[in-house]
Structures are given as structure tokens and as C-alpha cells.
């Protein structure tokens, strides 16, 4: 079976993305029903805390990496012409 055919098909990608998002939502909803009596930190008692924490941490990593790349790696367009 050739997986490239599936991943090149836009309708399959749309269905796969919807299934992925559905699983993510179901996991956060299921977190509401998990008892949290042994929570150590304040955030652990909140439903979906680690999902939100992971999303915010990922955004911060991307923003910091892009800003560091723009600051130290990228050069002006006229860098090699000077």
C-alpha cells in the first residue's frame, strides 16, 4: 500500500485533520471527568490545563525561535552586494 497517494489526496487530508481535531477535543472533554484530588499545583485541577499549557509553550518556542533567527541569522538583502 502506497501511503503517498493518501497524503496527496486533499479530501483524505481534510478528513484526517477533522478526526485529529475531534480526538483532541474528546481528550480535553474527558479530562473534565478525571478526578483531580491529588493535584499538587493550582493549574492541575483545571480541566484541559496541560493542553492549554502545551499550546502556549509551543507558541512561545516558535516566537522566540523566529525572533532569534531574525536577530542573529538573517542578513539584509544587500549584505553580499556591499
N, C-alpha and C. Protein backbone atom coordinates (compact mmCIF):
# COMPACT_ATOMS: atom_id res chain seq x y z
N UNK A 1 0.84 -1.18 0.00
CA UNK A 1 0.00 0.00 0.00
C UNK A 1 0.89 1.25 0.00
N UNK A 2 0.61 2.15 -0.89
CA UNK A 2 1.40 3.36 -1.03
C UNK A 2 0.73 4.50 -0.26
N UNK A 3 1.35 4.94 0.82
CA UNK A 3 0.76 5.98 1.67
C UNK A 3 0.83 7.36 1.03
N UNK A 4 1.73 7.55 0.08
CA UNK A 4 1.85 8.86 -0.56
C UNK A 4 0.56 9.25 -1.27
N UNK A 5 -0.13 8.26 -1.84
CA UNK A 5 -1.39 8.56 -2.53
C UNK A 5 -2.42 9.11 -1.57
N UNK A 6 -2.44 8.56 -0.35
CA UNK A 6 -3.42 9.04 0.63
C UNK A 6 -3.10 10.45 1.09
N UNK A 7 -1.84 10.73 1.35
CA UNK A 7 -1.47 12.03 1.87
C UNK A 7 -1.45 13.12 0.80
N UNK A 8 -1.46 12.76 -0.45
CA UNK A 8 -1.55 13.75 -1.53
C UNK A 8 -3.00 14.08 -1.86
N UNK A 9 -3.93 13.28 -1.39
CA UNK A 9 -5.34 13.48 -1.67
C UNK A 9 -5.91 14.54 -0.70
N UNK A 10 -6.39 15.68 -1.22
CA UNK A 10 -6.89 16.74 -0.33
C UNK A 10 -8.10 16.31 0.50
N UNK A 11 -8.96 15.46 -0.05
CA UNK A 11 -10.13 15.03 0.73
C UNK A 11 -9.71 14.15 1.91
N UNK A 12 -8.69 13.31 1.72
CA UNK A 12 -8.19 12.50 2.82
C UNK A 12 -7.56 13.37 3.90
N UNK A 13 -6.80 14.38 3.48
CA UNK A 13 -6.17 15.27 4.45
C UNK A 13 -7.21 16.04 5.25
N UNK A 14 -8.28 16.44 4.60
CA UNK A 14 -9.34 17.16 5.30
C UNK A 14 -10.01 16.24 6.33
N UNK A 15 -10.28 15.00 5.94
CA UNK A 15 -10.89 14.04 6.87
C UNK A 15 -9.94 13.71 8.02
N UNK A 16 -8.67 13.53 7.71
CA UNK A 16 -7.69 13.20 8.75
C UNK A 16 -7.54 14.35 9.74
N UNK A 17 -7.56 15.58 9.24
CA UNK A 17 -7.46 16.74 10.12
C UNK A 17 -8.68 16.84 11.02
N UNK A 18 -9.86 16.58 10.47
CA UNK A 18 -11.08 16.64 11.29
C UNK A 18 -11.08 15.54 12.36
N UNK A 19 -10.61 14.36 12.02
CA UNK A 19 -10.52 13.28 13.01
C UNK A 19 -9.51 13.63 14.09
N UNK A 20 -8.40 14.22 13.71
CA UNK A 20 -7.38 14.64 14.67
C UNK A 20 -7.93 15.68 15.63
N UNK A 21 -8.62 16.69 15.10
CA UNK A 21 -9.21 17.71 15.96
C UNK A 21 -10.30 17.13 16.86
N UNK A 22 -11.08 16.19 16.35
CA UNK A 22 -12.11 15.55 17.15
C UNK A 22 -11.50 14.78 18.32
N UNK A 23 -10.42 14.07 18.07
CA UNK A 23 -9.73 13.34 19.14
C UNK A 23 -9.19 14.31 20.18
N UNK A 24 -8.62 15.42 19.74
CA UNK A 24 -8.10 16.41 20.68
C UNK A 24 -9.22 16.98 21.57
N UNK A 25 -10.35 17.29 20.98
CA UNK A 25 -11.48 17.83 21.74
C UNK A 25 -12.01 16.78 22.71
N UNK A 26 -12.11 15.54 22.27
CA UNK A 26 -12.59 14.47 23.15
C UNK A 26 -11.64 14.25 24.33
N UNK A 27 -10.36 14.37 24.11
CA UNK A 27 -9.41 14.23 25.21
C UNK A 27 -9.55 15.35 26.24
N UNK A 28 -9.77 16.56 25.76
CA UNK A 28 -9.96 17.67 26.70
C UNK A 28 -11.28 17.52 27.44
N UNK A 29 -12.33 17.08 26.76
CA UNK A 29 -13.62 16.86 27.42
C UNK A 29 -13.50 15.71 28.42
N UNK A 30 -12.78 14.66 28.07
CA UNK A 30 -12.60 13.54 29.00
C UNK A 30 -11.83 13.97 30.24
N UNK A 31 -10.99 14.98 30.10
CA UNK A 31 -10.22 15.47 31.24
C UNK A 31 -11.13 16.09 32.31
N UNK A 32 -12.31 16.53 31.92
CA UNK A 32 -13.26 17.09 32.88
C UNK A 32 -13.71 16.03 33.87
N UNK A 33 -13.83 14.79 33.41
CA UNK A 33 -14.37 13.71 34.23
C UNK A 33 -13.32 12.95 35.04
N UNK A 34 -12.06 13.28 34.86
CA UNK A 34 -11.00 12.60 35.61
C UNK A 34 -10.86 13.27 36.97
N UNK A 35 -10.91 12.50 38.05
CA UNK A 35 -10.79 13.12 39.39
C UNK A 35 -9.41 13.74 39.59
N UNK A 36 -9.42 14.87 40.24
CA UNK A 36 -8.17 15.62 40.42
C UNK A 36 -7.90 15.88 41.90
N UNK A 37 -8.17 14.93 42.75
CA UNK A 37 -7.98 15.15 44.19
C UNK A 37 -6.52 15.15 44.60
N UNK A 38 -5.63 14.66 43.74
CA UNK A 38 -4.20 14.62 44.08
C UNK A 38 -3.41 15.70 43.34
N UNK A 39 -4.08 16.74 42.91
CA UNK A 39 -3.40 17.81 42.19
C UNK A 39 -2.47 18.57 43.14
N UNK A 40 -1.24 18.77 42.69
CA UNK A 40 -0.25 19.46 43.51
C UNK A 40 -0.25 20.96 43.21
N UNK A 41 -0.25 21.30 41.93
CA UNK A 41 -0.24 22.69 41.52
C UNK A 41 -1.66 23.18 41.28
N UNK A 42 -1.83 24.50 41.28
CA UNK A 42 -3.15 25.09 41.06
C UNK A 42 -3.71 24.70 39.69
N UNK A 43 -2.90 24.76 38.67
CA UNK A 43 -3.36 24.50 37.31
C UNK A 43 -3.76 23.07 37.05
N UNK A 44 -3.22 22.14 37.80
CA UNK A 44 -3.53 20.74 37.58
C UNK A 44 -4.99 20.43 37.85
N UNK A 45 -5.65 21.21 38.68
CA UNK A 45 -7.05 20.98 39.00
C UNK A 45 -7.98 21.50 37.90
N UNK A 46 -7.48 22.33 37.02
CA UNK A 46 -8.31 22.88 35.95
C UNK A 46 -8.41 21.89 34.79
N UNK A 47 -9.60 21.72 34.23
CA UNK A 47 -9.72 20.81 33.08
C UNK A 47 -9.03 21.38 31.85
N UNK A 48 -8.27 20.55 31.18
CA UNK A 48 -7.56 20.97 29.97
C UNK A 48 -6.34 21.83 30.23
N UNK A 49 -5.85 21.85 31.46
CA UNK A 49 -4.71 22.71 31.79
C UNK A 49 -3.48 22.36 30.97
N UNK A 50 -3.15 21.08 30.90
CA UNK A 50 -1.92 20.70 30.20
C UNK A 50 -2.05 20.87 28.69
N UNK A 51 -3.25 20.79 28.15
CA UNK A 51 -3.44 21.06 26.72
C UNK A 51 -3.18 22.53 26.43
N UNK A 52 -3.73 23.40 27.27
CA UNK A 52 -3.52 24.84 27.10
C UNK A 52 -2.06 25.20 27.37
N UNK A 53 -1.50 24.62 28.42
CA UNK A 53 -0.09 24.88 28.75
C UNK A 53 0.83 24.47 27.61
N UNK A 54 0.61 23.30 27.03
CA UNK A 54 1.42 22.84 25.91
C UNK A 54 1.28 23.72 24.69
N UNK A 55 0.06 24.17 24.41
CA UNK A 55 -0.17 25.05 23.27
C UNK A 55 0.55 26.38 23.45
N UNK A 56 0.42 26.98 24.63
CA UNK A 56 1.08 28.26 24.90
C UNK A 56 2.59 28.10 24.87
N UNK A 57 3.11 27.01 25.43
CA UNK A 57 4.56 26.78 25.42
C UNK A 57 5.07 26.62 23.99
N UNK A 58 4.32 25.92 23.15
CA UNK A 58 4.71 25.75 21.75
C UNK A 58 4.73 27.09 21.02
N UNK A 59 3.70 27.92 21.27
CA UNK A 59 3.68 29.24 20.64
C UNK A 59 4.87 30.08 21.09
N UNK A 60 5.21 30.03 22.37
CA UNK A 60 6.35 30.79 22.86
C UNK A 60 7.67 30.31 22.24
N UNK A 61 7.83 29.01 22.10
CA UNK A 61 9.04 28.47 21.48
C UNK A 61 9.16 28.95 20.03
N UNK A 62 8.04 28.94 19.30
CA UNK A 62 8.06 29.39 17.91
C UNK A 62 8.39 30.87 17.82
N UNK A 63 7.77 31.68 18.68
CA UNK A 63 8.01 33.13 18.64
C UNK A 63 9.46 33.45 19.00
N UNK A 64 9.99 32.80 20.02
CA UNK A 64 11.38 33.05 20.42
C UNK A 64 12.34 32.59 19.33
N UNK A 65 12.09 31.43 18.73
CA UNK A 65 12.97 30.93 17.68
C UNK A 65 12.96 31.84 16.46
N UNK A 66 11.78 32.32 16.07
CA UNK A 66 11.71 33.23 14.92
C UNK A 66 12.40 34.55 15.21
N UNK A 67 12.21 35.07 16.41
CA UNK A 67 12.86 36.34 16.73
C UNK A 67 14.38 36.20 16.81
N UNK A 68 14.86 35.09 17.37
CA UNK A 68 16.31 34.87 17.40
C UNK A 68 16.86 34.67 15.99
N UNK A 69 16.12 33.97 15.16
CA UNK A 69 16.55 33.79 13.78
C UNK A 69 16.61 35.10 13.03
N UNK A 70 15.62 35.95 13.23
CA UNK A 70 15.63 37.26 12.56
C UNK A 70 16.74 38.15 13.11
N UNK A 71 17.04 38.00 14.37
CA UNK A 71 18.04 38.86 15.01
C UNK A 71 19.46 38.45 14.65
N UNK A 72 19.76 37.16 14.68
CA UNK A 72 21.14 36.70 14.53
C UNK A 72 21.46 36.04 13.18
N UNK A 73 20.51 35.41 12.54
CA UNK A 73 20.82 34.63 11.34
C UNK A 73 20.55 35.40 10.06
N UNK A 74 19.42 36.06 9.97
CA UNK A 74 19.06 36.74 8.72
C UNK A 74 19.94 37.97 8.51
N UNK A 75 20.26 38.19 7.27
CA UNK A 75 21.07 39.35 6.89
C UNK A 75 20.22 40.25 5.98
N UNK A 76 20.66 41.47 5.81
CA UNK A 76 19.98 42.39 4.91
C UNK A 76 20.13 41.89 3.48
N UNK A 77 19.23 42.34 2.60
CA UNK A 77 19.29 41.91 1.21
C UNK A 77 20.56 42.39 0.51
N UNK A 78 21.12 43.45 0.96
CA UNK A 78 22.32 44.00 0.32
C UNK A 78 23.60 43.53 0.99
N UNK A 79 23.53 42.51 1.82
CA UNK A 79 24.70 42.03 2.58
C UNK A 79 25.81 41.57 1.65
N UNK A 80 25.48 40.80 0.63
CA UNK A 80 26.50 40.25 -0.25
C UNK A 80 26.90 41.21 -1.36
N UNK A 81 26.13 42.26 -1.59
CA UNK A 81 26.45 43.22 -2.63
C UNK A 81 27.42 44.29 -2.18
N UNK A 82 27.59 44.45 -0.89
CA UNK A 82 28.46 45.51 -0.38
C UNK A 82 29.92 45.18 -0.50
